Amino acid sequence: MSTANHIIQNGIPKCGNLWLYNILQRLQAAAGVPKKSYILDHPVHPGLKQMDLDIDYIADIDVIDIKAKRSYVTVRQTFCEPILDLAAYAQRCSLVWSHSPWEPEMSPEVYRQFDKFVYIIRDPRDAMVSKSHFAFTPYRQAMFPHNFKDTSDWLNQRLDHVMRQWFQHVNDHLVHGQQLGMYVIFYERLLLNLEEEISKLAQYLGFELKAEVIADIAEQVTAKNMKKAAQHHIRSHKLAGWRQSLTEAQVERVNDIARDLLTRLGYATTAAEFDPDHLPSVDLATYQAMTAPPPKQASLPRRVARNLRNLLK
């Protein structure tokens, strides 16, 4: 049997995490890995299942929130419990999900408790557009009410924060990934070469699965099939949709913050540069040797900067 009995996945929100989770879950099942779950065995689970948590099976997912000094079992914003023994927790879970940013002291300790570590990356502009729509779903508006007028207003106000968050999250994990045996999978590669990427992922996990099994898993995780269980969480699987959603000024703001990292991963920095045949990739050894510089603070809009200069004259 494969050693991938205990897997942890991470990725910034709206980067295909639910998609990856469903793929990993099905790969483990096909490989005969016993299903283990801390949250399924927890006394609070029956009560959580009765709550509206947006996704039918969200209460069944083992989620870990990694903080500076301790990690926590969480279910949405509804349940939180400190993990006192990380090794024991990992042994009780076959698949764990996290969105947590890198914590220098705690993250390595957490990831080393698992057999395999998979990290998913998506073009941050598409992830950001997806987040802007997610903010207006019934669940998010009920749990996190806001004053944004529409998705355009959300993007304009949240862009700088979201991009700096993406840069830090991705860069930190790529810098340390090789030491942890981390496997990087790109949303865009899943989108265009689903069966091939699932097959590569299975190889990393040590699963020897027939081509027809891989093909069946790919069919089960299409956007159409997954949307049945996560209607508001999955809109569509679309490549470079940011070209129709972001203004030129917003694209410039993105590049002010994250051009270096976007380029190193192989993402186009302008709509004109976009080539659907050029997919992102990264070599962790090379990346670690050439650590990306910290994200730049977004520059002030030219009009505002000009007015400030005039006031200072």
C-alpha atoms as a PDB file:
ATOM      1  CA  MET A   1       0.000   0.000   0.000  1.00  0.00           C
ATOM      2  CA  SER A   2       1.135   3.580  -0.653  1.00  0.00           C
ATOM      3  CA  THR A   3       2.591   5.648   2.147  1.00  0.00           C
ATOM      4  CA  ALA A   4       0.120   8.456   1.298  1.00  0.00           C
ATOM      5  CA  ASN A   5      -2.276   7.462   4.067  1.00  0.00           C
ATOM      6  CA  HIS A   6      -2.171  10.971   5.528  1.00  0.00           C
ATOM      7  CA  ILE A   7      -2.207  13.939   3.141  1.00  0.00           C
ATOM      8  CA  ILE A   8      -2.373  17.668   3.800  1.00  0.00           C
ATOM      9  CA  GLN A   9      -3.294  20.223   1.140  1.00  0.00           C
ATOM     10  CA  ASN A  10      -2.989  23.995   1.210  1.00  0.00           C
ATOM     11  CA  GLY A  11      -3.757  26.924  -1.056  1.00  0.00           C
ATOM     12  CA  ILE A  12      -5.057  30.438  -0.770  1.00  0.00           C
ATOM     13  CA  PRO A  13      -8.883  30.673  -0.931  1.00  0.00           C
ATOM     14  CA  LYS A  14     -10.617  30.451  -4.329  1.00  0.00           C
ATOM     15  CA  CYS A  15      -7.637  28.754  -5.965  1.00  0.00           C
ATOM     16  CA  GLY A  16      -9.300  25.386  -6.601  1.00  0.00           C
ATOM     17  CA  ASN A  17      -8.987  23.976  -3.093  1.00  0.00           C
ATOM     18  CA  LEU A  18     -12.368  22.216  -3.168  1.00  0.00           C
ATOM     19  CA  TRP A  19     -11.517  20.791  -6.578  1.00  0.00           C
ATOM     20  CA  LEU A  20      -8.185  19.480  -5.306  1.00  0.00           C
ATOM     21  CA  TYR A  21      -9.801  18.038  -2.184  1.00  0.00           C
ATOM     22  CA  ASN A  22     -12.280  16.039  -4.248  1.00  0.00           C
ATOM     23  CA  ILE A  23      -9.498  14.750  -6.500  1.00  0.00           C
ATOM     24  CA  LEU A  24      -7.306  13.685  -3.567  1.00  0.00           C
ATOM     25  CA  GLN A  25     -10.232  12.055  -1.789  1.00  0.00           C
ATOM     26  CA  ARG A  26     -11.081   9.983  -4.858  1.00  0.00           C
ATOM     27  CA  LEU A  27      -7.449   9.040  -5.485  1.00  0.00           C
ATOM     28  CA  GLN A  28      -7.114   7.743  -1.937  1.00  0.00           C
ATOM     29  CA  ALA A  29     -10.334   5.767  -2.233  1.00  0.00           C
ATOM     30  CA  ALA A  30      -9.239   4.244  -5.554  1.00  0.00           C
ATOM     31  CA  ALA A  31      -5.890   3.285  -4.026  1.00  0.00           C
ATOM     32  CA  GLY A  32      -7.555   1.594  -1.063  1.00  0.00           C
ATOM     33  CA  VAL A  33      -6.426   4.103   1.575  1.00  0.00           C
ATOM     34  CA  PRO A  34      -8.619   3.741   4.686  1.00  0.00           C
ATOM     35  CA  LYS A  35     -10.810   6.770   5.320  1.00  0.00           C
ATOM     36  CA  LYS A  36      -9.927   8.427   8.638  1.00  0.00           C
ATOM     37  CA  SER A  37     -11.358  11.648   9.997  1.00  0.00           C
ATOM     38  CA  TYR A  38     -10.984  13.485  13.276  1.00  0.00           C
ATOM     39  CA  ILE A  39     -14.038  15.671  12.716  1.00  0.00           C
ATOM     40  CA  LEU A  40     -16.303  12.790  11.658  1.00  0.00           C
ATOM     41  CA  ASP A  41     -15.572  11.087  14.979  1.00  0.00           C
ATOM     42  CA  HIS A  42     -15.972  14.261  17.018  1.00  0.00           C
ATOM     43  CA  PRO A  43     -19.059  14.622  19.278  1.00  0.00           C
ATOM     44  CA  VAL A  44     -19.889  17.999  17.688  1.00  0.00           C
ATOM     45  CA  HIS A  45     -20.180  16.551  14.180  1.00  0.00           C
ATOM     46  CA  PRO A  46     -23.891  15.636  14.238  1.00  0.00           C
ATOM     47  CA  GLY A  47     -24.762  19.166  15.330  1.00  0.00           C
ATOM     48  CA  LEU A  48     -22.537  20.730  12.670  1.00  0.00           C
ATOM     49  CA  LYS A  49     -24.254  18.648   9.997  1.00  0.00           C
ATOM     50  CA  GLN A  50     -27.554  20.264  10.902  1.00  0.00           C
ATOM     51  CA  MET A  51     -26.217  23.754  10.232  1.00  0.00           C
ATOM     52  CA  ASP A  52     -26.218  25.706   6.993  1.00  0.00           C
ATOM     53  CA  LEU A  53     -22.499  25.904   6.181  1.00  0.00           C
ATOM     54  CA  ASP A  54     -22.892  26.671   2.466  1.00  0.00           C
ATOM     55  CA  ILE A  55     -21.516  23.327   1.216  1.00  0.00           C
ATOM     56  CA  ASP A  56     -23.387  20.116   2.036  1.00  0.00           C
ATOM     57  CA  TYR A  57     -20.299  18.230   3.167  1.00  0.00           C
ATOM     58  CA  ILE A  58     -18.193  21.056   4.647  1.00  0.00           C
ATOM     59  CA  ALA A  59     -18.691  19.666   8.168  1.00  0.00           C
ATOM     60  CA  ASP A  60     -17.136  16.372   7.002  1.00  0.00           C
ATOM     61  CA  ILE A  61     -13.833  17.964   5.973  1.00  0.00           C
ATOM     62  CA  ASP A  62     -10.867  17.968   8.344  1.00  0.00           C
ATOM     63  CA  VAL A  63      -9.569  21.549   8.311  1.00  0.00           C
ATOM     64  CA  ILE A  64      -6.507  22.798  10.186  1.00  0.00           C
ATOM     65  CA  ASP A  65      -5.817  26.445  10.964  1.00  0.00           C
ATOM     66  CA  ILE A  66      -2.083  26.982  11.517  1.00  0.00           C
ATOM     67  CA  LYS A  67      -1.205  29.873  13.812  1.00  0.00           C
ATOM     68  CA  ALA A  68       2.129  31.138  15.142  1.00  0.00           C
ATOM     69  CA  LYS A  69       2.214  29.028  18.324  1.00  0.00           C
ATOM     70  CA  ARG A  70      -0.584  26.474  17.945  1.00  0.00           C
ATOM     71  CA  SER A  71      -2.829  24.889  15.332  1.00  0.00           C
ATOM     72  CA  TYR A  72      -6.594  24.428  15.509  1.00  0.00           C
ATOM     73  CA  VAL A  73      -9.328  22.150  14.188  1.00  0.00           C
ATOM     74  CA  THR A  74     -11.905  24.401  12.560  1.00  0.00           C
ATOM     75  CA  VAL A  75     -15.232  24.113  10.765  1.00  0.00           C
ATOM     76  CA  ARG A  76     -16.029  27.380   9.010  1.00  0.00           C
ATOM     77  CA  GLN A  77     -16.372  30.069  11.697  1.00  0.00           C
ATOM     78  CA  THR A  78     -18.595  27.755  13.741  1.00  0.00           C
ATOM     79  CA  PHE A  79     -16.216  25.410  15.570  1.00  0.00           C
ATOM     80  CA  CYS A  80     -12.630  25.791  16.752  1.00  0.00           C
ATOM     81  CA  GLU A  81     -10.581  23.477  18.962  1.00  0.00           C
ATOM     82  CA  PRO A  82      -6.826  23.593  19.748  1.00  0.00           C
ATOM     83  CA  ILE A  83      -4.727  20.643  18.605  1.00  0.00           C
ATOM     84  CA  LEU A  84      -2.622  19.564  21.564  1.00  0.00           C
ATOM     85  CA  ASP A  85      -0.897  16.622  19.855  1.00  0.00           C
ATOM     86  CA  LEU A  86      -0.172  17.216  16.154  1.00  0.00           C
ATOM     87  CA  ALA A  87       1.172  13.719  15.500  1.00  0.00           C
ATOM     88  CA  ALA A  88      -1.912  12.073  16.992  1.00  0.00           C
ATOM     89  CA  TYR A  89      -4.202  14.398  15.043  1.00  0.00           C
ATOM     90  CA  ALA A  90      -2.468  13.640  11.728  1.00  0.00           C
ATOM     91  CA  GLN A  91      -2.757   9.911  12.331  1.00  0.00           C
ATOM     92  CA  ARG A  92      -6.523  10.289  12.762  1.00  0.00           C
ATOM     93  CA  CYS A  93      -6.935  12.024   9.383  1.00  0.00           C
ATOM     94  CA  SER A  94      -6.450  10.635   5.904  1.00  0.00           C
ATOM     95  CA  LEU A  95      -6.872  14.052   4.228  1.00  0.00           C
ATOM     96  CA  VAL A  96      -6.592  17.521   5.783  1.00  0.00           C
ATOM     97  CA  TRP A  97      -7.303  20.902   4.213  1.00  0.00           C
ATOM     98  CA  SER A  98      -5.753  24.262   5.100  1.00  0.00           C
ATOM     99  CA  HIS A  99      -5.714  27.850   3.845  1.00  0.00           C
ATOM    100  CA  SER A 100      -3.185  28.970   6.432  1.00  0.00           C
ATOM    101  CA  PRO A 101      -0.309  31.294   5.551  1.00  0.00           C
ATOM    102  CA  TRP A 102       3.234  30.258   6.368  1.00  0.00           C
ATOM    103  CA  GLU A 103       4.125  30.394  10.051  1.00  0.00           C
ATOM    104  CA  PRO A 104       7.922  30.020  10.492  1.00  0.00           C
ATOM    105  CA  GLU A 105       7.716  28.075  13.747  1.00  0.00           C
ATOM    106  CA  MET A 106       4.519  26.073  13.357  1.00  0.00           C
ATOM    107  CA  SER A 107       4.092  25.342   9.626  1.00  0.00           C
ATOM    108  CA  PRO A 108       7.104  23.005   9.216  1.00  0.00           C
ATOM    109  CA  GLU A 109       6.055  21.073  12.312  1.00  0.00           C
ATOM    110  CA  VAL A 110       2.526  20.619  10.968  1.00  0.00           C
ATOM    111  CA  TYR A 111       3.488  19.566   7.451  1.00  0.00           C
ATOM    112  CA  ARG A 112       6.044  17.028   8.653  1.00  0.00           C
ATOM    113  CA  GLN A 113       3.303  15.074  10.436  1.00  0.00           C
ATOM    114  CA  PHE A 114       1.827  14.056   7.062  1.00  0.00           C
ATOM    115  CA  ASP A 115       3.012  11.607   4.419  1.00  0.00           C
ATOM    116  CA  LYS A 116       2.373  13.981   1.518  1.00  0.00           C
ATOM    117  CA  PHE A 117       1.869  17.727   1.112  1.00  0.00           C
ATOM    118  CA  VAL A 118       0.105  19.189  -1.948  1.00  0.00           C
ATOM    119  CA  TYR A 119      -0.038  22.928  -2.622  1.00  0.00           C
ATOM    120  CA  ILE A 120      -2.334  24.453  -5.254  1.00  0.00           C
ATOM    121  CA  ILE A 121      -1.699  27.731  -7.091  1.00  0.00           C
ATOM    122  CA  ARG A 122      -4.033  29.720  -9.324  1.00  0.00           C
ATOM    123  CA  ASP A 123      -3.608  32.964 -11.221  1.00  0.00           C
ATOM    124  CA  PRO A 124      -4.329  35.443  -8.393  1.00  0.00           C
ATOM    125  CA  ARG A 125      -6.333  37.706 -10.685  1.00  0.00           C
ATOM    126  CA  ASP A 126      -8.799  34.916 -11.430  1.00  0.00           C
ATOM    127  CA  ALA A 127      -8.881  33.938  -7.745  1.00  0.00           C
ATOM    128  CA  MET A 128      -9.582  37.552  -6.854  1.00  0.00           C
ATOM    129  CA  VAL A 129     -12.441  37.824  -9.355  1.00  0.00           C
ATOM    130  CA  SER A 130     -13.873  34.595  -7.946  1.00  0.00           C
ATOM    131  CA  LYS A 131     -13.634  36.004  -4.403  1.00  0.00           C
ATOM    132  CA  SER A 132     -15.473  39.137  -5.483  1.00  0.00           C
ATOM    133  CA  HIS A 133     -18.424  37.044  -6.665  1.00  0.00           C
ATOM    134  CA  PHE A 134     -18.271  34.772  -3.614  1.00  0.00           C
ATOM    135  CA  ALA A 135     -18.639  37.834  -1.367  1.00  0.00           C
ATOM    136  CA  PHE A 136     -22.157  38.302  -2.738  1.00  0.00           C
ATOM    137  CA  THR A 137     -23.408  34.727  -2.258  1.00  0.00           C
ATOM    138  CA  PRO A 138     -26.241  34.314   0.275  1.00  0.00           C
ATOM    139  CA  TYR A 139     -24.029  32.494   2.780  1.00  0.00           C
ATOM    140  CA  ARG A 140     -21.234  35.087   2.734  1.00  0.00           C
ATOM    141  CA  GLN A 141     -23.624  38.013   2.934  1.00  0.00           C
ATOM    142  CA  ALA A 142     -25.394  36.436   5.899  1.00  0.00           C
ATOM    143  CA  MET A 143     -22.172  35.585   7.751  1.00  0.00           C
ATOM    144  CA  PHE A 144     -20.005  38.510   6.622  1.00  0.00           C
ATOM    145  CA  PRO A 145     -22.208  41.471   5.686  1.00  0.00           C
ATOM    146  CA  HIS A 146     -20.426  44.297   3.882  1.00  0.00           C
ATOM    147  CA  ASN A 147     -21.036  47.619   2.188  1.00  0.00           C
ATOM    148  CA  PHE A 148     -19.588  46.903  -1.232  1.00  0.00           C
ATOM    149  CA  LYS A 149     -21.956  47.991  -3.998  1.00  0.00           C
ATOM    150  CA  ASP A 150     -21.035  45.242  -6.451  1.00  0.00           C
ATOM    151  CA  THR A 151     -18.146  43.038  -7.556  1.00  0.00           C
ATOM    152  CA  SER A 152     -16.411  45.968  -9.284  1.00  0.00           C
ATOM    153  CA  ASP A 153     -16.480  47.961  -6.064  1.00  0.00           C
ATOM    154  CA  TRP A 154     -15.174  44.938  -4.127  1.00  0.00           C
ATOM    155  CA  LEU A 155     -12.288  44.513  -6.569  1.00  0.00           C
ATOM    156  CA  ASN A 156     -11.358  48.164  -6.490  1.00  0.00           C
ATOM    157  CA  GLN A 157     -11.247  48.330  -2.709  1.00  0.00           C
ATOM    158  CA  ARG A 158      -9.808  44.876  -1.928  1.00  0.00           C
ATOM    159  CA  LEU A 159      -7.302  44.431  -4.756  1.00  0.00           C
ATOM    160  CA  ASP A 160      -4.126  45.603  -3.003  1.00  0.00           C
ATOM    161  CA  HIS A 161      -4.757  43.572   0.161  1.00  0.00           C
ATOM    162  CA  VAL A 162      -5.700  40.412  -1.729  1.00  0.00           C
ATOM    163  CA  MET A 163      -2.661  40.601  -4.017  1.00  0.00           C
ATOM    164  CA  ARG A 164      -0.186  41.152  -1.195  1.00  0.00           C
ATOM    165  CA  GLN A 165      -1.779  38.257   0.694  1.00  0.00           C
ATOM    166  CA  TRP A 166      -1.443  35.991  -2.373  1.00  0.00           C
ATOM    167  CA  PHE A 167       2.178  36.982  -2.917  1.00  0.00           C
ATOM    168  CA  GLN A 168       3.171  36.276   0.678  1.00  0.00           C
ATOM    169  CA  HIS A 169       1.273  32.995   0.921  1.00  0.00           C
ATOM    170  CA  VAL A 170       2.616  31.564  -2.340  1.00  0.00           C
ATOM    171  CA  ASN A 171       6.173  32.845  -2.035  1.00  0.00           C
ATOM    172  CA  ASP A 172       6.615  31.586   1.524  1.00  0.00           C
ATOM    173  CA  HIS A 173       5.421  28.086   0.667  1.00  0.00           C
ATOM    174  CA  LEU A 174       7.513  27.869  -2.505  1.00  0.00           C
ATOM    175  CA  VAL A 175      10.653  28.951  -0.651  1.00  0.00           C
ATOM    176  CA  HIS A 176      10.235  26.145   1.919  1.00  0.00           C
ATOM    177  CA  GLY A 177       8.454  23.596  -0.266  1.00  0.00           C
ATOM    178  CA  GLN A 178      11.423  21.500  -1.400  1.00  0.00           C
ATOM    179  CA  GLN A 179      12.534  20.801   2.172  1.00  0.00           C
ATOM    180  CA  LEU A 180       9.036  19.520   2.960  1.00  0.00           C
ATOM    181  CA  GLY A 181       8.624  17.372  -0.155  1.00  0.00           C
ATOM    182  CA  MET A 182       5.775  19.625  -1.278  1.00  0.00           C
ATOM    183  CA  TYR A 183       4.059  18.936  -4.600  1.00  0.00           C
ATOM    184  CA  VAL A 184       2.814  21.976  -6.506  1.00  0.00           C
ATOM    185  CA  ILE A 185      -0.226  21.679  -8.724  1.00  0.00           C
ATOM    186  CA  PHE A 186      -1.557  24.527 -10.848  1.00  0.00           C
ATOM    187  CA  TYR A 187      -5.253  25.247 -11.314  1.00  0.00           C
ATOM    188  CA  GLU A 188      -4.667  26.128 -14.973  1.00  0.00           C
ATOM    189  CA  ARG A 189      -3.001  22.796 -15.687  1.00  0.00           C
ATOM    190  CA  LEU A 190      -5.893  20.954 -14.087  1.00  0.00           C
ATOM    191  CA  LEU A 191      -8.240  23.002 -16.221  1.00  0.00           C
ATOM    192  CA  LEU A 192      -6.605  22.155 -19.543  1.00  0.00           C
ATOM    193  CA  ASN A 193      -5.065  18.715 -18.875  1.00  0.00           C
ATOM    194  CA  LEU A 194      -7.193  17.219 -16.110  1.00  0.00           C
ATOM    195  CA  GLU A 195      -6.499  13.515 -16.637  1.00  0.00           C
ATOM    196  CA  GLU A 196      -2.777  14.081 -17.152  1.00  0.00           C
ATOM    197  CA  GLU A 197      -2.478  16.196 -14.004  1.00  0.00           C
ATOM    198  CA  ILE A 198      -4.466  13.703 -11.933  1.00  0.00           C
ATOM    199  CA  SER A 199      -2.174  10.948 -13.212  1.00  0.00           C
ATOM    200  CA  LYS A 200       0.938  12.933 -12.207  1.00  0.00           C
ATOM    201  CA  LEU A 201      -0.568  13.628  -8.802  1.00  0.00           C
ATOM    202  CA  ALA A 202      -1.286   9.916  -8.331  1.00  0.00           C
ATOM    203  CA  GLN A 203       2.351   9.136  -9.130  1.00  0.00           C
ATOM    204  CA  TYR A 204       3.563  11.648  -6.542  1.00  0.00           C
ATOM    205  CA  LEU A 205       1.282  10.024  -3.974  1.00  0.00           C
ATOM    206  CA  GLY A 206       2.647   6.602  -4.869  1.00  0.00           C
ATOM    207  CA  PHE A 207      -0.657   5.282  -6.228  1.00  0.00           C
ATOM    208  CA  GLU A 208      -0.487   2.863  -9.145  1.00  0.00           C
ATOM    209  CA  LEU A 209      -3.857   3.344 -10.824  1.00  0.00           C
ATOM    210  CA  LYS A 210      -5.049   2.263 -14.243  1.00  0.00           C
ATOM    211  CA  ALA A 211      -5.799   4.848 -16.917  1.00  0.00           C
ATOM    212  CA  GLU A 212      -9.515   4.071 -16.805  1.00  0.00           C
ATOM    213  CA  VAL A 213      -9.569   4.768 -13.054  1.00  0.00           C
ATOM    214  CA  ILE A 214      -7.912   8.151 -13.615  1.00  0.00           C
ATOM    215  CA  ALA A 215     -10.396   8.911 -16.398  1.00  0.00           C
ATOM    216  CA  ASP A 216     -13.313   8.024 -14.143  1.00  0.00           C
ATOM    217  CA  ILE A 217     -12.030  10.311 -11.380  1.00  0.00           C
ATOM    218  CA  ALA A 218     -11.607  13.132 -13.904  1.00  0.00           C
ATOM    219  CA  GLU A 219     -15.217  12.727 -14.975  1.00  0.00           C
ATOM    220  CA  GLN A 220     -16.434  12.791 -11.369  1.00  0.00           C
ATOM    221  CA  VAL A 221     -14.717  16.116 -10.650  1.00  0.00           C
ATOM    222  CA  THR A 222     -15.874  18.149 -13.633  1.00  0.00           C
ATOM    223  CA  ALA A 223     -17.296  21.584 -12.804  1.00  0.00           C
ATOM    224  CA  LYS A 224     -20.777  20.376 -13.732  1.00  0.00           C
ATOM    225  CA  ASN A 225     -20.686  17.444 -11.318  1.00  0.00           C
ATOM    226  CA  MET A 226     -19.043  19.323  -8.453  1.00  0.00           C
ATOM    227  CA  LYS A 227     -21.414  22.264  -8.671  1.00  0.00           C
ATOM    228  CA  LYS A 228     -24.288  19.976  -7.666  1.00  0.00           C
ATOM    229  CA  ALA A 229     -22.916  19.814  -4.122  1.00  0.00           C
ATOM    230  CA  ALA A 230     -21.422  23.340  -3.949  1.00  0.00           C
ATOM    231  CA  GLN A 231     -23.718  25.594  -5.925  1.00  0.00           C
ATOM    232  CA  HIS A 232     -22.482  28.918  -4.582  1.00  0.00           C
ATOM    233  CA  HIS A 233     -18.868  27.855  -4.150  1.00  0.00           C
ATOM    234  CA  ILE A 234     -18.189  26.900  -7.758  1.00  0.00           C
ATOM    235  CA  ARG A 235     -19.209  29.250 -10.563  1.00  0.00           C
ATOM    236  CA  SER A 236     -17.255  27.808 -13.468  1.00  0.00           C
ATOM    237  CA  HIS A 237     -13.794  26.569 -14.374  1.00  0.00           C
ATOM    238  CA  LYS A 238     -12.517  29.387 -16.585  1.00  0.00           C
ATOM    239  CA  LEU A 239      -9.036  30.294 -17.795  1.00  0.00           C
ATOM    240  CA  ALA A 240      -7.810  33.913 -17.540  1.00  0.00           C
ATOM    241  CA  GLY A 241     -11.251  35.366 -16.977  1.00  0.00           C
ATOM    242  CA  TRP A 242      -9.572  38.354 -15.323  1.00  0.00           C
ATOM    243  CA  ARG A 243      -8.998  39.832 -18.784  1.00  0.00           C
ATOM    244  CA  GLN A 244     -12.713  40.632 -18.994  1.00  0.00           C
ATOM    245  CA  SER A 245     -13.141  41.625 -15.346  1.00  0.00           C
ATOM    246  CA  LEU A 246     -10.188  43.846 -14.417  1.00  0.00           C
ATOM    247  CA  THR A 247      -9.579  47.331 -15.768  1.00  0.00           C
ATOM    248  CA  GLU A 248      -6.190  48.324 -17.171  1.00  0.00           C
ATOM    249  CA  ALA A 249      -5.589  50.378 -14.047  1.00  0.00           C
ATOM    250  CA  GLN A 250      -6.329  47.367 -11.837  1.00  0.00           C
ATOM    251  CA  VAL A 251      -3.991  45.160 -13.886  1.00  0.00           C
ATOM    252  CA  GLU A 252      -1.297  47.794 -13.393  1.00  0.00           C
ATOM    253  CA  ARG A 253      -1.908  47.762  -9.641  1.00  0.00           C
ATOM    254  CA  VAL A 254      -1.572  43.966  -9.631  1.00  0.00           C
ATOM    255  CA  ASN A 255       1.736  44.223 -11.455  1.00  0.00           C
ATOM    256  CA  ASP A 256       3.003  46.895  -9.053  1.00  0.00           C
ATOM    257  CA  ILE A 257       2.630  44.352  -6.269  1.00  0.00           C
ATOM    258  CA  ALA A 258       3.311  40.951  -7.816  1.00  0.00           C
ATOM    259  CA  ARG A 259       4.845  41.251 -11.295  1.00  0.00           C
ATOM    260  CA  ASP A 260       8.049  39.441 -10.259  1.00  0.00           C
ATOM    261  CA  LEU A 261       6.247  36.418  -8.847  1.00  0.00           C
ATOM    262  CA  LEU A 262       3.710  36.259 -11.668  1.00  0.00           C
ATOM    263  CA  THR A 263       6.562  36.241 -14.183  1.00  0.00           C
ATOM    264  CA  ARG A 264       8.552  33.586 -12.341  1.00  0.00           C
ATOM    265  CA  LEU A 265       5.535  31.284 -12.331  1.00  0.00           C
ATOM    266  CA  GLY A 266       4.896  31.849 -16.034  1.00  0.00           C
ATOM    267  CA  TYR A 267       1.744  33.974 -15.825  1.00  0.00           C
ATOM    268  CA  ALA A 268       1.183  36.751 -18.348  1.00  0.00           C
ATOM    269  CA  THR A 269       1.278  40.210 -16.789  1.00  0.00           C
ATOM    270  CA  THR A 270      -1.033  41.816 -19.362  1.00  0.00           C
ATOM    271  CA  ALA A 271      -4.021  40.638 -21.385  1.00  0.00           C
ATOM    272  CA  ALA A 272      -2.016  41.110 -24.581  1.00  0.00           C
ATOM    273  CA  GLU A 273       0.705  38.725 -23.341  1.00  0.00           C
ATOM    274  CA  PHE A 274      -1.730  35.924 -22.492  1.00  0.00           C
ATOM    275  CA  ASP A 275      -1.085  32.691 -24.383  1.00  0.00           C
ATOM    276  CA  PRO A 276      -3.458  29.779 -23.611  1.00  0.00           C
ATOM    277  CA  ASP A 277      -0.771  27.299 -24.657  1.00  0.00           C
ATOM    278  CA  HIS A 278       1.729  28.629 -22.109  1.00  0.00           C
ATOM    279  CA  LEU A 279       0.946  27.085 -18.737  1.00  0.00           C
ATOM    280  CA  PRO A 280       2.469  28.058 -15.386  1.00  0.00           C
ATOM    281  CA  SER A 281       5.140  25.931 -13.756  1.00  0.00           C
ATOM    282  CA  VAL A 282       7.762  26.081 -11.028  1.00  0.00           C
ATOM    283  CA  ASP A 283      10.886  24.189 -10.019  1.00  0.00           C
ATOM    284  CA  LEU A 284      11.154  24.318  -6.244  1.00  0.00           C
ATOM    285  CA  ALA A 285      14.941  23.918  -6.114  1.00  0.00           C
ATOM    286  CA  THR A 286      15.455  26.781  -8.536  1.00  0.00           C
ATOM    287  CA  TYR A 287      12.861  28.907  -6.780  1.00  0.00           C
ATOM    288  CA  GLN A 288      14.470  28.459  -3.395  1.00  0.00           C
ATOM    289  CA  ALA A 289      17.831  29.480  -4.825  1.00  0.00           C
ATOM    290  CA  MET A 290      16.303  32.628  -6.316  1.00  0.00           C
ATOM    291  CA  THR A 291      13.909  33.794  -3.599  1.00  0.00           C
ATOM    292  CA  ALA A 292      11.404  36.317  -4.879  1.00  0.00           C
ATOM    293  CA  PRO A 293      11.683  39.843  -3.437  1.00  0.00           C
ATOM    294  CA  PRO A 294       8.979  40.966  -1.000  1.00  0.00           C
ATOM    295  CA  PRO A 295       5.782  42.327  -2.541  1.00  0.00           C
ATOM    296  CA  LYS A 296       5.841  45.993  -3.413  1.00  0.00           C
ATOM    297  CA  GLN A 297       3.398  48.383  -1.847  1.00  0.00           C
ATOM    298  CA  ALA A 298       0.854  49.404  -4.442  1.00  0.00           C
ATOM    299  CA  SER A 299       1.647  52.797  -5.930  1.00  0.00           C
ATOM    300  CA  LEU A 300      -0.788  55.653  -5.518  1.00  0.00           C
ATOM    301  CA  PRO A 301      -2.988  56.434  -8.503  1.00  0.00           C
ATOM    302  CA  ARG A 302      -1.234  59.031 -10.689  1.00  0.00           C
ATOM    303  CA  ARG A 303      -3.924  61.663 -10.089  1.00  0.00           C
ATOM    304  CA  VAL A 304      -3.648  61.316  -6.307  1.00  0.00           C
ATOM    305  CA  ALA A 305       0.154  61.376  -6.406  1.00  0.00           C
ATOM    306  CA  ARG A 306       0.104  64.509  -8.587  1.00  0.00           C
ATOM    307  CA  ASN A 307      -2.271  66.285  -6.189  1.00  0.00           C
ATOM    308  CA  LEU A 308      -0.064  65.403  -3.235  1.00  0.00           C
ATOM    309  CA  ARG A 309       2.987  66.800  -5.016  1.00  0.00           C
ATOM    310  CA  ASN A 310       1.122  70.017  -5.740  1.00  0.00           C
ATOM    311  CA  LEU A 311       0.145  70.375  -2.073  1.00  0.00           C
ATOM    312  CA  LEU A 312       3.749  69.926  -1.007  1.00  0.00           C
ATOM    313  CA  LYS A 313       5.082  72.625  -3.302  1.00  0.00           C
END
